[in-house]
C-alpha cells in the first residue's frame, strides 16, 4: 500500500506531500491541473524511464519519494530485496527514492541504498498495478492477449510454461547441431584435414607455460648482459679490490682491529666488536657469491638467436589460435573434440536425432497440457467478465476468448489467443478492435483488473482516467464496482466523474495557482464541505449553484449508504 508520496520540482509541482489512506483515494481537478503529474511521479518510483525535461524550470533536479507498506507479496518482495543485500524495515515499509538531474542522470534508492533502475521496475510489479488510457491500446493488440490470459494461471501453470520454454530451447539447440553436420563427403574431408593440421601444428610446437616464462627471463638476461656484467664486476671490485688498493673488506678488517685495540681500554665495546666481526664474515660470503655469479656469466649470441626463434614460433601460434599459451592449448582440446565428433558424426547424428524426437514429444505433451489449462483459464475469465459486464450495464454483451492451436511453437506454447466480444444480441463475435468503444473498453479492462487483482496479490491499484466514454447509470455502476474493489485493495483514482468521486474515502483536489508570475500546482485533501463543493464544480463547471451543491450532498449521502452495505 502506498502510504505517502513526496514530489519536488516535477513539472509544475514545486513541492507536494500526499498522505494516501486505505480504501478509495480519488484525485480530481480541472483538465490540465496536473493530475497526471502525480501518476507520472508514482511511475517514476516503479522504474519508468525519465527525461530531464520533467524537471521544473530553473531547478537542478527533480525528486520523488514514496513510502510503501508491504502488506501483500511480502515473501516475493523480501526475496528480491535479498538479492541486492536489502531488507524490509521492521515495520514492513519500503522507502523508494528517485532523483533525476539536469545532466540526465537518474539515481534510485530503496531504504537509502542505491539500486539499479531495472530493480525498481522489477520490485514495482509487486507493489502497484496502474490502469491508464494506454492499457486500452494494450487491450486492442491481440498479440498481447495470450500474456493477459496467462497472468491468471496458477504457479503450477507458470512452472509448466517454464518447462516448455526450457525444452524448446534445448530442441532448437539440437536442431542447430544437426544442421551443422556436413552435407557431402568432400566438405567433411576438408574439415577433417584442416582440423588435423591445426592440432598437429600445436602439438609439434610442444608448448608449455613454464617454458615461455623461462625463455623470456633468459632473453632479458642476454639482451642486458653488458649492463649486468658491468654492475656485478664493479660490485666485486669494490668488495675485494677497492680504490687505491683498499677494498671494503680491507677497510672493515681495519675497523675490527681498531675495535680490538679499544676493547683493551673499555670492555663494553665487545658486543659492538663482535657484531662488526660477524658482518665481516657475512660480507666475505657475499663477496664469494658475487664472484661465483660473475664467473657464471657467459654471453652466447647463438643462444639468444635460438630463444628469439622459439619466441617467434610461439607468437606466430598466438596470432592464429589465442592470446596466451593457455588459450592455444584449450583451442587444441576443443578442436580434438570437434574432430572426434566429425569422425563419429553418423553415430552422433543418430544420437542427436533420437534426442530431438524425444524432446519434440515432450514439447507436444506439455503444449497440449498448456492448451487444456488455457481453455479452463479462458472459461473462468469469460464467466467472470460476462458477470461483471452485466453489473456494468453491458447486459447484452458477450465476451469470449478464442484460443487457436498453431503448428509451430513459440516459447509460450502452441497457442494464440484473441479476445472477442459481441455487444448486442444477434451480433457475431468480433475482435475488440472492430467493435468496442472507449467506454466499453474501459469496462472490459476494469473487469479484467477486478478479477486479476484477486489473483496477483497486488494491494495498490491506480486508475488513471479510465472512465472515458461512460456516464449516467453506467458511471454509477463503475463507481460501485470500484467501491467494492476498494474493500480489498487500496485504490487511487484520477477521475472526472462525480459518481466515482463521490465514492471516495479520501478525496484530493488538484489545482493550478499563479504567484509572482510563476505557475504552481496545489494538492489539497478535502473535508466533507470541500467534497461537496468539488463535486458541484465537476457537475456544473464554473457555474456552481445551490442546486448543484444540493445534488452533490445527495450524491455523497447515497455513496455513504452504498458503502455501508458492502
Protein backbone atom coordinates (compact mmCIF):
# COMPACT_ATOMS: atom_id res chain seq x y z
CA UNK A 1 0.00 0.00 0.00
CA UNK A 2 1.26 3.48 -0.88
CA UNK A 3 1.25 5.44 2.39
CA UNK A 4 2.84 8.72 1.31
CA UNK A 5 4.13 10.43 -1.80
CA UNK A 6 6.55 13.37 -1.83
CA UNK A 7 7.09 15.29 -5.07
CA UNK A 8 9.68 18.01 -5.54
CA UNK A 9 10.36 20.04 -8.72
CA UNK A 10 8.48 17.70 -11.07
CA UNK A 11 6.94 19.68 -13.94
CA UNK A 12 4.79 22.41 -12.34
CA UNK A 13 4.91 20.90 -8.85
CA UNK A 14 7.42 22.75 -6.69
CA UNK A 15 6.74 20.71 -3.57
CA UNK A 16 3.86 18.46 -2.62
CA UNK A 17 3.15 15.89 0.08
CA UNK A 18 0.24 13.44 -0.25
CA UNK A 19 -0.80 11.10 2.56
CA UNK A 20 -2.83 8.31 0.96
CA UNK A 21 -5.23 6.21 3.01
CA UNK A 22 -6.61 2.69 2.84
CA UNK A 23 -9.65 2.18 0.64
CA UNK A 24 -10.71 4.54 -2.13
CA UNK A 25 -8.48 7.59 -2.81
CA UNK A 26 -9.67 9.97 -5.54
CA UNK A 27 -7.85 12.80 -7.34
CA UNK A 28 -9.92 15.40 -9.17
CA UNK A 29 -9.33 18.79 -10.72
CA UNK A 30 -9.75 20.85 -13.86
CA UNK A 31 -8.37 19.45 -17.11
CA UNK A 32 -4.68 20.30 -17.24
CA UNK A 33 -4.48 20.97 -13.50
CA UNK A 34 -1.69 18.42 -13.07
CA UNK A 35 -3.38 15.19 -12.03
CA UNK A 36 -1.28 13.21 -14.48
CA UNK A 37 1.90 14.57 -12.86
CA UNK A 38 1.00 12.74 -9.65
CA UNK A 39 0.53 9.46 -11.53
CA UNK A 40 3.74 10.03 -13.52
CA UNK A 41 5.56 10.57 -10.22
CA UNK A 42 4.36 7.19 -8.96
CA UNK A 43 5.52 5.64 -12.25
CA UNK A 44 8.99 7.07 -11.63
CA UNK A 45 9.10 5.17 -8.33
CA UNK A 46 8.14 1.99 -10.17
CA UNK A 47 11.08 2.23 -12.59
CA UNK A 48 9.70 4.07 -15.60
CA UNK A 49 12.13 5.95 -17.84
CA UNK A 50 12.54 9.66 -17.19
CA UNK A 51 13.81 12.63 -19.15
CA UNK A 52 15.43 15.72 -17.66
CA UNK A 53 12.54 17.61 -19.29
CA UNK A 54 10.35 16.69 -16.31
CA UNK A 55 12.48 18.90 -14.02
CA UNK A 56 10.75 22.14 -13.04
CA UNK A 57 12.14 25.13 -14.94
CA UNK A 58 15.06 26.76 -13.14
CA UNK A 59 15.78 23.81 -10.82
CA UNK A 60 18.76 21.42 -10.78
CA UNK A 61 16.91 18.20 -10.06
CA UNK A 62 13.54 16.55 -9.51
CA UNK A 63 12.98 14.22 -6.57
CA UNK A 64 10.13 11.79 -5.91
CA UNK A 65 9.87 9.67 -2.78
CA UNK A 66 7.25 7.13 -1.77
CA UNK A 67 6.64 5.19 1.42
CA UNK A 68 5.11 1.75 0.79
CA UNK A 69 3.69 -0.59 3.41
CA UNK A 70 4.28 -4.17 2.23
CA UNK A 71 1.02 -5.90 3.14
CA UNK A 72 0.99 -8.37 0.20
CA UNK A 73 3.54 -10.28 -1.89
CA UNK A 74 5.76 -9.96 1.17
CA UNK A 75 7.84 -13.11 0.55
CA UNK A 76 8.44 -12.28 -3.11
CA UNK A 77 9.49 -8.73 -2.27
CA UNK A 78 11.74 -9.91 0.57
CA UNK A 79 13.45 -12.42 -1.77
CA UNK A 80 14.03 -9.69 -4.36
CA UNK A 81 15.48 -7.34 -1.76
CA UNK A 82 17.87 -10.01 -0.50
CA UNK A 83 19.36 -10.29 -3.99
CA UNK A 84 20.84 -6.81 -3.50
CA UNK A 85 21.55 -7.17 0.21
CA UNK A 86 18.47 -5.20 1.31
CA UNK A 87 15.79 -5.99 3.86
CA UNK A 88 12.36 -4.70 4.71
CA UNK A 89 12.24 -2.25 7.59
CA UNK A 90 10.98 -3.62 10.92
CA UNK A 91 7.58 -2.04 10.27
CA UNK A 92 7.43 -3.72 6.80
CA UNK A 93 7.90 -0.44 4.94
CA UNK A 94 9.90 0.41 1.85
CA UNK A 95 11.08 3.93 1.15
CA UNK A 96 11.75 4.36 -2.57
CA UNK A 97 13.53 7.49 -3.78
CA UNK A 98 14.10 8.62 -7.37
CA UNK A 99 16.21 11.63 -8.34
CA UNK A 100 16.57 13.00 -11.89
CA UNK A 101 19.23 15.63 -12.56
CA UNK A 102 19.64 18.19 -15.34
CA UNK A 103 22.60 16.14 -16.62
CA UNK A 104 20.10 13.40 -17.47
CA UNK A 105 21.38 11.04 -14.79
CA UNK A 106 18.89 9.19 -12.63
CA UNK A 107 19.55 7.90 -9.10
CA UNK A 108 17.38 5.25 -7.44
CA UNK A 109 17.38 4.32 -3.76
CA UNK A 110 15.49 1.83 -1.63
CA UNK A 111 15.67 2.41 2.12
CA UNK A 112 18.58 4.78 1.50
CA UNK A 113 20.64 2.36 -0.60
CA UNK A 114 21.40 2.85 -4.30
CA UNK A 115 19.82 0.29 -6.66
CA UNK A 116 19.65 -0.03 -10.47
CA UNK A 117 16.62 1.35 -12.32
CA UNK A 118 15.85 -2.17 -13.57
CA UNK A 119 15.48 -3.31 -9.95
CA UNK A 120 12.84 -0.63 -9.29
CA UNK A 121 10.96 -1.90 -12.31
CA UNK A 122 11.17 -5.47 -11.03
CA UNK A 123 10.01 -4.75 -7.49
CA UNK A 124 7.37 -2.26 -8.68
CA UNK A 125 5.39 -5.07 -10.35
CA UNK A 126 4.63 -6.44 -6.87
CA UNK A 127 3.70 -3.09 -5.31
CA UNK A 128 1.36 -1.23 -7.68
CA UNK A 129 -0.74 -2.00 -10.73
CA UNK A 130 -1.59 1.02 -12.91
CA UNK A 131 -4.52 1.06 -15.30
CA UNK A 132 -4.41 4.03 -17.66
CA UNK A 133 -5.53 5.02 -21.13
CA UNK A 134 -2.51 3.24 -22.66
CA UNK A 135 -3.96 -0.03 -21.34
CA UNK A 136 -6.80 0.34 -23.82
CA UNK A 137 -4.33 0.16 -26.68
CA UNK A 138 -2.71 -2.83 -24.98
CA UNK A 139 -6.12 -4.50 -24.85
CA UNK A 140 -6.71 -3.85 -28.56
CA UNK A 141 -3.40 -5.54 -29.51
CA UNK A 142 -4.29 -9.22 -29.97
CA UNK A 143 -0.61 -10.24 -29.74
CA UNK A 144 -0.80 -9.30 -26.03
CA UNK A 145 -3.95 -11.28 -25.27
CA UNK A 146 -2.15 -14.57 -24.54
CA UNK A 147 0.06 -12.91 -21.93
CA UNK A 148 -3.02 -11.34 -20.29
CA UNK A 149 -4.71 -14.75 -20.17
CA UNK A 150 -1.55 -16.41 -18.78
CA UNK A 151 -1.45 -13.90 -15.92
CA UNK A 152 -4.44 -15.73 -14.47
CA UNK A 153 -2.57 -19.05 -14.35
CA UNK A 154 -1.51 -20.51 -11.00
CA UNK A 155 2.06 -21.43 -10.00
CA UNK A 156 1.72 -24.92 -11.48
CA UNK A 157 0.74 -23.39 -14.83
CA UNK A 158 3.70 -20.99 -14.72
CA UNK A 159 6.05 -23.91 -13.93
CA UNK A 160 4.62 -25.76 -16.92
CA UNK A 161 5.32 -22.72 -19.14
CA UNK A 162 8.86 -22.53 -17.81
CA UNK A 163 9.44 -26.21 -18.60
CA UNK A 164 8.07 -25.72 -22.11
CA UNK A 165 10.42 -22.81 -22.76
CA UNK A 166 13.41 -24.76 -21.43
CA UNK A 167 12.64 -27.83 -23.60
CA UNK A 168 12.10 -25.68 -26.68
CA UNK A 169 15.50 -24.03 -26.18
CA UNK A 170 17.11 -27.49 -25.93
CA UNK A 171 15.25 -28.60 -29.06
CA UNK A 172 16.43 -25.60 -31.07
CA UNK A 173 20.00 -26.13 -29.88
CA UNK A 174 19.93 -29.76 -31.06
CA UNK A 175 18.43 -28.71 -34.40
CA UNK A 176 21.28 -26.26 -34.77
CA UNK A 177 23.81 -29.01 -34.08
CA UNK A 178 22.15 -31.35 -36.57
CA UNK A 179 22.08 -28.68 -39.27
CA UNK A 180 25.80 -28.09 -38.76
CA UNK A 181 26.63 -31.61 -39.98
CA UNK A 182 28.14 -31.91 -43.43
CA UNK A 183 26.02 -32.26 -46.50
CA UNK A 184 28.66 -34.10 -48.60
CA UNK A 185 31.84 -36.18 -48.20
CA UNK A 186 34.16 -33.57 -49.74
CA UNK A 187 33.13 -30.91 -47.24
CA UNK A 188 33.59 -33.40 -44.41
CA UNK A 189 37.10 -34.45 -45.56
CA UNK A 190 38.21 -30.83 -45.97
CA UNK A 191 37.12 -30.07 -42.43
CA UNK A 192 38.94 -33.17 -41.10
CA UNK A 193 42.17 -32.21 -42.90
CA UNK A 194 42.07 -28.65 -41.61
CA UNK A 195 41.38 -29.72 -38.00
CA UNK A 196 44.21 -32.26 -38.12
CA UNK A 197 46.58 -29.60 -39.48
CA UNK A 198 45.70 -27.23 -36.62
CA UNK A 199 46.06 -29.94 -33.95
CA UNK A 200 49.37 -31.24 -35.35
CA UNK A 201 50.84 -27.74 -35.66
CA UNK A 202 50.12 -27.04 -31.99
CA UNK A 203 51.29 -30.46 -30.77
CA UNK A 204 54.58 -30.25 -32.74
CA UNK A 205 55.33 -26.94 -31.04
CA UNK A 206 55.32 -28.79 -27.66
CA UNK A 207 54.17 -25.68 -25.83
CA UNK A 208 54.27 -25.11 -22.10
CA UNK A 209 53.55 -22.05 -19.98
CA UNK A 210 56.70 -22.63 -17.89
CA UNK A 211 58.94 -22.72 -20.95
CA UNK A 212 57.72 -19.33 -22.18
CA UNK A 213 58.40 -17.76 -18.78
CA UNK A 214 61.93 -19.20 -18.71
CA UNK A 215 62.62 -18.09 -22.29
CA UNK A 216 61.53 -14.53 -21.56
CA UNK A 217 63.70 -14.39 -18.44
CA UNK A 218 66.76 -15.74 -20.25
CA UNK A 219 66.19 -13.44 -23.23
CA UNK A 220 66.00 -10.44 -20.92
CA UNK A 221 69.28 -11.50 -19.26
CA UNK A 222 71.11 -11.89 -22.58
CA UNK A 223 69.82 -8.63 -24.03
CA UNK A 224 71.00 -6.78 -20.91
CA UNK A 225 74.19 -8.86 -20.48
CA UNK A 226 76.65 -5.97 -20.73
CA UNK A 227 74.76 -3.89 -18.18
CA UNK A 228 74.51 -6.88 -15.81
CA UNK A 229 78.22 -7.83 -16.18
CA UNK A 230 79.43 -4.28 -15.51
CA UNK A 231 77.26 -3.92 -12.42
CA UNK A 232 78.36 -7.25 -10.87
CA UNK A 233 82.02 -6.73 -11.81
CA UNK A 234 82.01 -3.26 -10.22
CA UNK A 235 80.43 -4.65 -7.06
CA UNK A 236 83.06 -7.40 -6.85
CA UNK A 237 85.95 -4.97 -7.29
CA UNK A 238 84.62 -2.68 -4.57
CA UNK A 239 84.32 -5.61 -2.19
CA UNK A 240 87.75 -7.14 -2.93
CA UNK A 241 89.97 -4.53 -4.59
CA UNK A 242 88.64 -1.06 -3.86
CA UNK A 243 90.13 2.26 -4.87
CA UNK A 244 93.90 2.70 -4.39
CA UNK A 245 94.31 -0.87 -3.10
CA UNK A 246 91.83 -0.66 -0.22
CA UNK A 247 88.65 -2.71 -0.66
CA UNK A 248 85.54 -2.63 1.52
CA UNK A 249 86.68 -5.85 3.22
CA UNK A 250 90.19 -4.39 3.81
CA UNK A 251 88.69 -1.31 5.47
CA UNK A 252 86.35 -3.48 7.53
CA UNK A 253 89.31 -5.55 8.83
CA UNK A 254 91.00 -2.29 9.88
CA UNK A 255 87.82 -1.28 11.76
CA UNK A 256 87.80 -4.64 13.56
CA UNK A 257 91.48 -4.24 14.61
CA UNK A 258 90.81 -0.72 15.92
CA UNK A 259 87.85 -2.03 17.95
CA UNK A 260 90.04 -4.80 19.35
CA UNK A 261 92.58 -2.15 20.47
CA UNK A 262 89.83 -0.05 22.05
CA UNK A 263 88.48 -3.15 23.76
CA UNK A 264 91.59 -3.29 25.98
CA UNK A 265 90.55 0.09 27.34
CA UNK A 266 86.74 -0.46 27.58
CA UNK A 267 85.23 -3.97 27.78
CA UNK A 268 81.78 -2.55 26.98
CA UNK A 269 82.86 -2.36 23.29
CA UNK A 270 82.98 -6.17 22.99
CA UNK A 271 79.39 -6.63 21.71
CA UNK A 272 80.00 -3.96 19.06
CA UNK A 273 83.30 -5.57 18.00
CA UNK A 274 81.60 -9.00 17.74
CA UNK A 275 78.78 -7.56 15.68
CA UNK A 276 81.14 -5.87 13.20
CA UNK A 277 83.20 -9.07 13.03
CA UNK A 278 80.05 -11.08 12.15
CA UNK A 279 79.18 -8.53 9.46
CA UNK A 280 82.69 -9.06 8.07
CA UNK A 281 82.12 -12.82 7.82
CA UNK A 282 78.76 -12.28 6.07
CA UNK A 283 80.28 -9.71 3.71
CA UNK A 284 83.09 -12.13 2.78
CA UNK A 285 80.43 -14.75 2.00
CA UNK A 286 78.55 -12.20 -0.13
CA UNK A 287 81.76 -11.35 -1.97
CA UNK A 288 82.32 -15.04 -2.77
CA UNK A 289 78.75 -15.32 -4.12
CA UNK A 290 79.27 -12.22 -6.29
CA UNK A 291 82.49 -13.76 -7.63
CA UNK A 292 80.81 -17.08 -8.41
CA UNK A 293 77.89 -15.31 -10.15
CA UNK A 294 80.38 -13.21 -12.14
CA UNK A 295 82.27 -16.35 -13.24
CA UNK A 296 78.97 -17.97 -14.29
CA UNK A 297 78.07 -15.13 -16.64
CA UNK A 298 78.58 -16.13 -20.24
CA UNK A 299 77.14 -14.25 -23.21
CA UNK A 300 76.17 -16.60 -26.03
CA UNK A 301 74.92 -14.87 -29.19
CA UNK A 302 73.77 -18.18 -30.65
CA UNK A 303 71.67 -18.93 -27.58
CA UNK A 304 69.96 -15.53 -27.89
CA UNK A 305 69.17 -16.22 -31.56
CA UNK A 306 67.68 -19.61 -30.67
CA UNK A 307 65.49 -18.00 -27.98
CA UNK A 308 64.26 -15.37 -30.46
CA UNK A 309 63.39 -18.07 -32.99
CA UNK A 310 61.47 -20.06 -30.38
CA UNK A 311 59.57 -16.99 -29.14
CA UNK A 312 58.70 -16.06 -32.74
CA UNK A 313 57.25 -19.55 -33.18
CA UNK A 314 55.16 -19.17 -30.02
CA UNK A 315 53.95 -15.69 -31.05
CA UNK A 316 53.01 -16.99 -34.50
CA UNK A 317 50.80 -19.63 -32.87
CA UNK A 318 49.29 -16.98 -30.60
CA UNK A 319 48.26 -14.91 -33.61
CA UNK A 320 46.48 -17.97 -35.03
CA UNK A 321 44.98 -19.68 -32.04
CA UNK A 322 44.80 -17.43 -28.99
CA UNK A 323 46.41 -14.63 -26.96
CA UNK A 324 48.16 -16.96 -24.48
CA UNK A 325 49.62 -20.47 -24.42
CA UNK A 326 46.74 -21.49 -22.15
CA UNK A 327 44.27 -20.34 -24.81
CA UNK A 328 46.19 -22.21 -27.53
CA UNK A 329 46.15 -25.46 -25.53
CA UNK A 330 42.40 -25.06 -24.87
CA UNK A 331 41.87 -24.38 -28.58
CA UNK A 332 43.68 -27.64 -29.39
CA UNK A 333 41.47 -29.64 -27.00
CA UNK A 334 38.31 -28.09 -28.47
CA UNK A 335 39.48 -28.97 -31.98
CA UNK A 336 40.23 -32.54 -30.90
CA UNK A 337 36.66 -32.84 -29.62
CA UNK A 338 35.34 -31.31 -32.85
CA UNK A 339 37.43 -33.76 -34.91
CA UNK A 340 36.16 -36.66 -32.85
CA UNK A 341 32.55 -35.54 -33.42
CA UNK A 342 33.11 -35.32 -37.18
CA UNK A 343 34.83 -38.72 -37.38
CA UNK A 344 31.88 -40.19 -35.49
CA UNK A 345 29.30 -37.85 -36.98
CA UNK A 346 26.92 -40.57 -38.18
CA UNK A 347 26.68 -42.03 -34.69
CA UNK A 348 26.45 -38.52 -33.22
CA UNK A 349 23.79 -37.57 -35.75
CA UNK A 350 21.68 -40.59 -34.78
CA UNK A 351 22.11 -39.77 -31.12
CA UNK A 352 21.04 -36.15 -31.63
CA UNK A 353 18.12 -37.17 -33.82
CA UNK A 354 16.87 -39.52 -31.10
CA UNK A 355 17.15 -36.70 -28.54
CA UNK A 356 15.37 -34.31 -30.91
CA UNK A 357 12.45 -36.71 -31.38
CA UNK A 358 12.10 -37.31 -27.64
CA UNK A 359 12.24 -33.57 -26.94
CA UNK A 360 9.60 -32.90 -29.58
CA UNK A 361 7.30 -35.49 -27.99
CA UNK A 362 7.79 -33.85 -24.57
CA UNK A 363 7.20 -30.40 -26.11
CA UNK A 364 3.96 -31.56 -27.74
CA UNK A 365 2.80 -33.20 -24.50
CA UNK A 366 3.44 -30.07 -22.42
CA UNK A 367 1.97 -27.92 -25.22
CA UNK A 368 -1.23 -30.00 -25.04
CA UNK A 369 -1.37 -29.55 -21.26
CA UNK A 370 -0.88 -25.80 -21.62
CA UNK A 371 -3.65 -25.71 -24.23
CA UNK A 372 -6.07 -27.53 -21.90
CA UNK A 373 -5.09 -25.33 -18.94
CA UNK A 374 -5.58 -22.20 -21.02
CA UNK A 375 -9.01 -23.45 -22.05
CA UNK A 376 -10.02 -23.73 -18.39
CA UNK A 377 -8.50 -20.33 -17.56
CA UNK A 378 -10.31 -18.80 -20.55
CA UNK A 379 -13.67 -20.20 -19.39
CA UNK A 380 -13.04 -18.84 -15.90
CA UNK A 381 -12.20 -15.38 -17.28
CA UNK A 382 -15.15 -15.41 -19.69
CA UNK A 383 -17.65 -16.24 -16.95
CA UNK A 384 -16.24 -13.66 -14.55
CA UNK A 385 -16.02 -10.88 -17.15
CA UNK A 386 -19.50 -11.54 -18.52
CA UNK A 387 -20.90 -11.38 -14.98
CA UNK A 388 -19.08 -8.12 -14.28
CA UNK A 389 -20.07 -6.61 -17.65
CA UNK A 390 -23.73 -7.24 -16.76
CA UNK A 391 -23.12 -5.38 -13.49
CA UNK A 392 -21.54 -2.55 -15.52
CA UNK A 393 -24.61 -2.03 -17.76
CA UNK A 394 -23.42 -4.24 -20.62
CA UNK A 395 -26.09 -6.93 -20.11
CA UNK A 396 -26.30 -7.74 -23.83
CA UNK A 397 -22.54 -8.11 -24.22
CA UNK A 398 -20.87 -11.48 -24.54
CA UNK A 399 -17.10 -11.77 -24.06
CA UNK A 400 -15.18 -14.80 -25.29
CA UNK A 401 -11.53 -15.81 -25.57
CA UNK A 402 -10.65 -17.71 -28.74
CA UNK A 403 -7.62 -19.98 -28.38
CA UNK A 404 -6.14 -21.26 -31.62
CA UNK A 405 -3.55 -24.03 -31.67
CA UNK A 406 -0.70 -23.40 -34.13
CA UNK A 407 1.55 -25.95 -35.81
CA UNK A 408 4.79 -24.22 -34.85
CA UNK A 409 5.61 -23.42 -31.21
CA UNK A 410 6.78 -20.20 -29.62
CA UNK A 411 8.41 -20.03 -26.19
CA UNK A 412 4.91 -19.85 -24.62
CA UNK A 413 3.48 -22.93 -26.36
CA UNK A 414 1.48 -23.65 -29.49
CA UNK A 415 -1.38 -21.30 -28.64
CA UNK A 416 -2.55 -17.96 -29.96
CA UNK A 417 -5.30 -16.15 -28.05
CA UNK A 418 -7.65 -13.37 -29.08
CA UNK A 419 -10.34 -11.55 -27.13
CA UNK A 420 -13.70 -11.39 -28.90
CA UNK A 421 -16.91 -9.60 -27.99
CA UNK A 422 -20.45 -9.13 -29.14
CA UNK A 423 -22.01 -6.01 -27.61
CA UNK A 424 -25.54 -6.57 -28.91
CA UNK A 425 -27.88 -9.56 -29.11
CA UNK A 426 -27.71 -11.23 -32.51
CA UNK A 427 -24.36 -9.70 -33.42
CA UNK A 428 -21.49 -12.12 -34.13
CA UNK A 429 -18.37 -12.23 -32.00
CA UNK A 430 -15.66 -9.96 -33.38
CA UNK A 431 -12.22 -8.74 -32.21
CA UNK A 432 -12.31 -5.95 -29.63
CA UNK A 433 -10.63 -3.55 -32.03
CA UNK A 434 -13.50 -3.98 -34.51
CA UNK A 435 -16.38 -3.39 -32.09
CA UNK A 436 -15.60 -1.97 -28.66
CA UNK A 437 -15.96 1.76 -27.98
CA UNK A 438 -13.84 3.68 -25.46
CA UNK A 439 -16.45 3.26 -22.73
CA UNK A 440 -16.79 -0.46 -23.42
CA UNK A 441 -13.02 -0.92 -23.36
CA UNK A 442 -12.89 0.87 -20.01
CA UNK A 443 -15.42 -1.55 -18.56
CA UNK A 444 -13.75 -4.63 -20.05
CA UNK A 445 -10.39 -3.52 -18.63
CA UNK A 446 -11.99 -2.80 -15.27
CA UNK A 447 -13.47 -6.31 -15.31
CA UNK A 448 -10.07 -7.83 -16.15
CA UNK A 449 -8.34 -5.87 -13.41
CA UNK A 450 -11.07 -6.76 -10.92
CA UNK A 451 -10.52 -10.50 -11.30
CA UNK A 452 -6.75 -10.25 -11.85
CA UNK A 453 -6.31 -8.20 -8.67
CA UNK A 454 -7.68 -11.12 -6.69
CA UNK A 455 -5.07 -13.43 -8.24
CA UNK A 456 -1.84 -11.41 -8.31
CA UNK A 457 -1.96 -10.13 -4.72
CA UNK A 458 -1.07 -6.53 -5.57
CA UNK A 459 -2.53 -4.31 -2.87
CA UNK A 460 -2.50 -0.91 -4.64
CA UNK A 461 -4.39 -0.28 -7.88
CA UNK A 462 -4.17 3.05 -9.70
CA UNK A 463 -6.87 4.03 -12.21
CA UNK A 464 -5.78 6.94 -14.39
CA UNK A 465 -8.84 8.43 -16.13
CA UNK A 466 -10.24 5.07 -17.19
CA UNK A 467 -13.77 6.50 -17.12
CA UNK A 468 -13.52 7.67 -20.73
CA UNK A 469 -16.74 7.29 -22.67
CA UNK A 470 -19.02 6.44 -19.75
CA UNK A 471 -21.68 8.50 -17.96
CA UNK A 472 -25.05 8.32 -16.25
CA UNK A 473 -26.13 4.92 -14.97
CA UNK A 474 -23.00 3.22 -16.32
CA UNK A 475 -20.81 5.67 -14.42
CA UNK A 476 -22.71 4.85 -11.22
CA UNK A 477 -22.23 1.11 -11.79
CA UNK A 478 -18.50 1.58 -12.47
CA UNK A 479 -18.24 3.65 -9.28
CA UNK A 480 -19.96 0.92 -7.27
CA UNK A 481 -17.68 -1.76 -8.72
CA UNK A 482 -14.61 0.30 -7.79
CA UNK A 483 -16.02 0.80 -4.29
CA UNK A 484 -16.33 -2.99 -3.95
CA UNK A 485 -12.74 -3.35 -5.16
CA UNK A 486 -11.51 -0.79 -2.62
CA UNK A 487 -12.65 -3.03 0.23
CA UNK A 488 -9.86 -5.48 -0.66
CA UNK A 489 -7.33 -3.13 -2.26
CA UNK A 490 -6.09 0.40 -1.93
CA UNK A 491 -7.45 2.34 -4.93
CA UNK A 492 -6.01 5.62 -6.23
CA UNK A 493 -8.21 7.01 -8.97
CA UNK A 494 -7.95 10.06 -11.23
CA UNK A 495 -11.46 10.83 -12.46
CA UNK A 496 -13.74 13.44 -13.98
CA UNK A 497 -16.94 11.68 -12.97
CA UNK A 498 -18.92 12.84 -9.90
CA UNK A 499 -20.34 9.35 -9.39
CA UNK A 500 -16.83 7.91 -8.93
CA UNK A 501 -15.55 10.88 -6.92
CA UNK A 502 -18.49 10.61 -4.52
CA UNK A 503 -17.41 7.07 -3.56
CA UNK A 504 -14.04 8.31 -2.29
CA UNK A 505 -12.95 7.53 1.24
CA UNK A 506 -10.22 10.15 0.77
CA UNK A 507 -10.58 12.95 -1.79
CA UNK A 508 -7.78 15.21 -3.08
CA UNK A 509 -8.30 18.17 -5.38
CA UNK A 510 -5.51 19.40 -7.64
CA UNK A 511 -5.44 22.96 -8.88
CA UNK A 512 -3.14 25.50 -10.52
CA UNK A 513 -2.24 28.79 -8.91
CA UNK A 514 -0.15 31.69 -10.17
CA UNK A 515 2.23 33.53 -7.87
CA UNK A 516 4.96 36.03 -8.78
CA UNK A 517 4.48 35.28 -12.48
CA UNK A 518 5.05 31.55 -11.95
CA UNK A 519 2.60 28.66 -12.07
CA UNK A 520 2.34 26.23 -9.16
CA UNK A 521 0.25 23.14 -8.51
CA UNK A 522 -1.60 22.82 -5.25
CA UNK A 523 -2.79 19.48 -3.83
CA UNK A 524 -5.41 19.70 -1.07
CA UNK A 525 -7.13 16.98 0.95
CA UNK A 526 -10.85 17.77 1.19
CA UNK A 527 -13.11 17.65 4.20
CA UNK A 528 -16.83 16.96 3.87
CA UNK A 529 -17.71 20.53 2.83
CA UNK A 530 -14.80 20.58 0.41
CA UNK A 531 -16.07 17.36 -1.20
CA UNK A 532 -19.50 18.93 -1.72
CA UNK A 533 -18.01 21.98 -3.43
CA UNK A 534 -15.69 19.90 -5.63
CA UNK A 535 -18.50 17.57 -6.73
CA UNK A 536 -20.59 20.63 -7.55
CA UNK A 537 -17.72 22.01 -9.66
CA UNK A 538 -17.38 18.67 -11.52
CA UNK A 539 -21.12 18.63 -12.28
CA UNK A 540 -21.64 22.28 -13.05
CA UNK A 541 -18.25 23.56 -14.13
CA UNK A 542 -17.63 27.16 -13.12
CA UNK A 543 -21.39 27.67 -12.60
CA UNK A 544 -21.80 26.25 -9.06
CA UNK A 545 -25.38 26.77 -7.88
CA UNK A 546 -27.34 25.83 -4.81
CA UNK A 547 -28.94 23.09 -6.87
CA UNK A 548 -25.58 21.52 -7.78
CA UNK A 549 -24.47 21.82 -4.15
CA UNK A 550 -27.60 20.02 -3.02
CA UNK A 551 -27.12 17.39 -5.70
CA UNK A 552 -23.51 16.93 -4.56
CA UNK A 553 -24.61 16.43 -0.97
CA UNK A 554 -27.19 13.90 -2.12
CA UNK A 555 -24.54 12.01 -4.14
CA UNK A 556 -22.28 11.80 -1.10
CA UNK A 557 -25.11 10.56 1.11
CA UNK A 558 -26.07 7.90 -1.45
CA UNK A 559 -22.44 6.82 -1.75
CA UNK A 560 -22.14 6.60 2.02
CA UNK A 561 -25.26 4.45 2.25
CA UNK A 562 -23.99 2.16 -0.54
CA UNK A 563 -20.55 1.73 1.05
CA UNK A 564 -22.07 0.92 4.43
CA UNK A 565 -23.74 -2.13 2.86
CA UNK A 566 -20.64 -3.66 1.26
